[in-house]
Amino acid sequence: MADQADRQHMHECEARQWLRLGYSSEAMVDELREKVAAKRGAAAAERLIEEMRRQWKRRSEWLGRDHV
């Protein structure tokens, strides 16, 4: 089983991928929330969206250029 740091890294990568795919508007995030909740439950969907918010604030770091 992956340790906590590995799980966190995977969670961050997933959040970044959804953002790269354009899930940044309220409507798209609501759509994603429904998709994830249907497969993994509401708590998992909320954790993902919270991580997406954290990653959005840090996007200039992981995009490699200034996107703020």
C-alpha atoms as a PDB file:
ATOM      1  CA  MET A   1       0.000   0.000   0.000  1.00  0.00           C
ATOM      2  CA  ALA A   2       1.249   3.468  -0.842  1.00  0.00           C
ATOM      3  CA  ASP A   3       2.410   5.603   2.013  1.00  0.00           C
ATOM      4  CA  GLN A   4       0.838   8.950   2.879  1.00  0.00           C
ATOM      5  CA  ALA A   5       3.264  11.005   0.777  1.00  0.00           C
ATOM      6  CA  ASP A   6       2.597   8.849  -2.288  1.00  0.00           C
ATOM      7  CA  ARG A   7      -1.173   9.100  -1.816  1.00  0.00           C
ATOM      8  CA  GLN A   8      -0.929  12.877  -1.453  1.00  0.00           C
ATOM      9  CA  HIS A   9       1.185  13.127  -4.601  1.00  0.00           C
ATOM     10  CA  MET A  10      -1.336  11.035  -6.549  1.00  0.00           C
ATOM     11  CA  HIS A  11      -4.170  13.218  -5.227  1.00  0.00           C
ATOM     12  CA  GLU A  12      -2.345  16.385  -6.341  1.00  0.00           C
ATOM     13  CA  CYS A  13      -1.667  14.908  -9.787  1.00  0.00           C
ATOM     14  CA  GLU A  14      -5.307  13.963 -10.244  1.00  0.00           C
ATOM     15  CA  ALA A  15      -6.452  17.446  -9.241  1.00  0.00           C
ATOM     16  CA  ARG A  16      -3.998  19.043 -11.669  1.00  0.00           C
ATOM     17  CA  GLN A  17      -5.146  16.765 -14.488  1.00  0.00           C
ATOM     18  CA  TRP A  18      -8.792  17.741 -14.053  1.00  0.00           C
ATOM     19  CA  LEU A  19      -7.755  21.400 -14.089  1.00  0.00           C
ATOM     20  CA  ARG A  20      -5.730  20.860 -17.268  1.00  0.00           C
ATOM     21  CA  LEU A  21      -8.834  19.283 -18.826  1.00  0.00           C
ATOM     22  CA  GLY A  22     -10.757  22.504 -18.221  1.00  0.00           C
ATOM     23  CA  TYR A  23     -12.650  21.705 -15.033  1.00  0.00           C
ATOM     24  CA  SER A  24     -12.260  25.181 -13.597  1.00  0.00           C
ATOM     25  CA  SER A  25     -15.657  26.821 -14.048  1.00  0.00           C
ATOM     26  CA  GLU A  26     -18.432  26.388 -11.513  1.00  0.00           C
ATOM     27  CA  ALA A  27     -20.550  24.371 -13.954  1.00  0.00           C
ATOM     28  CA  MET A  28     -17.674  22.049 -14.884  1.00  0.00           C
ATOM     29  CA  VAL A  29     -16.718  21.519 -11.244  1.00  0.00           C
ATOM     30  CA  ASP A  30     -20.333  20.670 -10.406  1.00  0.00           C
ATOM     31  CA  GLU A  31     -20.314  18.141 -13.251  1.00  0.00           C
ATOM     32  CA  LEU A  32     -17.075  16.638 -11.972  1.00  0.00           C
ATOM     33  CA  ARG A  33     -18.446  16.501  -8.412  1.00  0.00           C
ATOM     34  CA  GLU A  34     -21.379  14.428  -9.652  1.00  0.00           C
ATOM     35  CA  LYS A  35     -19.124  12.079 -11.671  1.00  0.00           C
ATOM     36  CA  VAL A  36     -16.720  11.455  -8.825  1.00  0.00           C
ATOM     37  CA  ALA A  37     -19.445  11.148  -6.196  1.00  0.00           C
ATOM     38  CA  ALA A  38     -21.219   8.508  -8.274  1.00  0.00           C
ATOM     39  CA  LYS A  39     -18.067   6.371  -8.403  1.00  0.00           C
ATOM     40  CA  ARG A  40     -16.245   7.144  -5.143  1.00  0.00           C
ATOM     41  CA  GLY A  41     -18.765   8.872  -2.889  1.00  0.00           C
ATOM     42  CA  ALA A  42     -19.480  12.462  -1.890  1.00  0.00           C
ATOM     43  CA  ALA A  43     -16.589  12.741   0.578  1.00  0.00           C
ATOM     44  CA  ALA A  44     -14.051  11.749  -2.084  1.00  0.00           C
ATOM     45  CA  ALA A  45     -15.544  14.250  -4.516  1.00  0.00           C
ATOM     46  CA  GLU A  46     -15.259  17.050  -1.976  1.00  0.00           C
ATOM     47  CA  ARG A  47     -11.640  16.100  -1.160  1.00  0.00           C
ATOM     48  CA  LEU A  48     -10.785  16.210  -4.866  1.00  0.00           C
ATOM     49  CA  ILE A  49     -12.399  19.612  -5.354  1.00  0.00           C
ATOM     50  CA  GLU A  50     -10.619  21.014  -2.295  1.00  0.00           C
ATOM     51  CA  GLU A  51      -7.327  19.766  -3.710  1.00  0.00           C
ATOM     52  CA  MET A  52      -8.188  21.322  -7.067  1.00  0.00           C
ATOM     53  CA  ARG A  53      -8.656  24.651  -5.274  1.00  0.00           C
ATOM     54  CA  ARG A  54      -5.249  24.303  -3.605  1.00  0.00           C
ATOM     55  CA  GLN A  55      -3.619  23.383  -6.908  1.00  0.00           C
ATOM     56  CA  TRP A  56      -5.305  26.279  -8.709  1.00  0.00           C
ATOM     57  CA  LYS A  57      -3.588  28.668  -6.307  1.00  0.00           C
ATOM     58  CA  ARG A  58      -0.229  26.979  -7.054  1.00  0.00           C
ATOM     59  CA  ARG A  59      -0.691  26.545 -10.814  1.00  0.00           C
ATOM     60  CA  SER A  60       2.224  28.787 -11.790  1.00  0.00           C
ATOM     61  CA  GLU A  61       4.515  26.318  -9.982  1.00  0.00           C
ATOM     62  CA  TRP A  62       3.331  23.175 -11.754  1.00  0.00           C
ATOM     63  CA  LEU A  63       2.662  24.757 -15.128  1.00  0.00           C
ATOM     64  CA  GLY A  64       6.233  25.994 -15.226  1.00  0.00           C
ATOM     65  CA  ARG A  65       5.350  29.560 -16.184  1.00  0.00           C
ATOM     66  CA  ASP A  66       3.397  32.467 -14.806  1.00  0.00           C
ATOM     67  CA  HIS A  67      -0.352  31.866 -15.204  1.00  0.00           C
ATOM     68  CA  VAL A  68      -1.573  33.882 -12.238  1.00  0.00           C
END
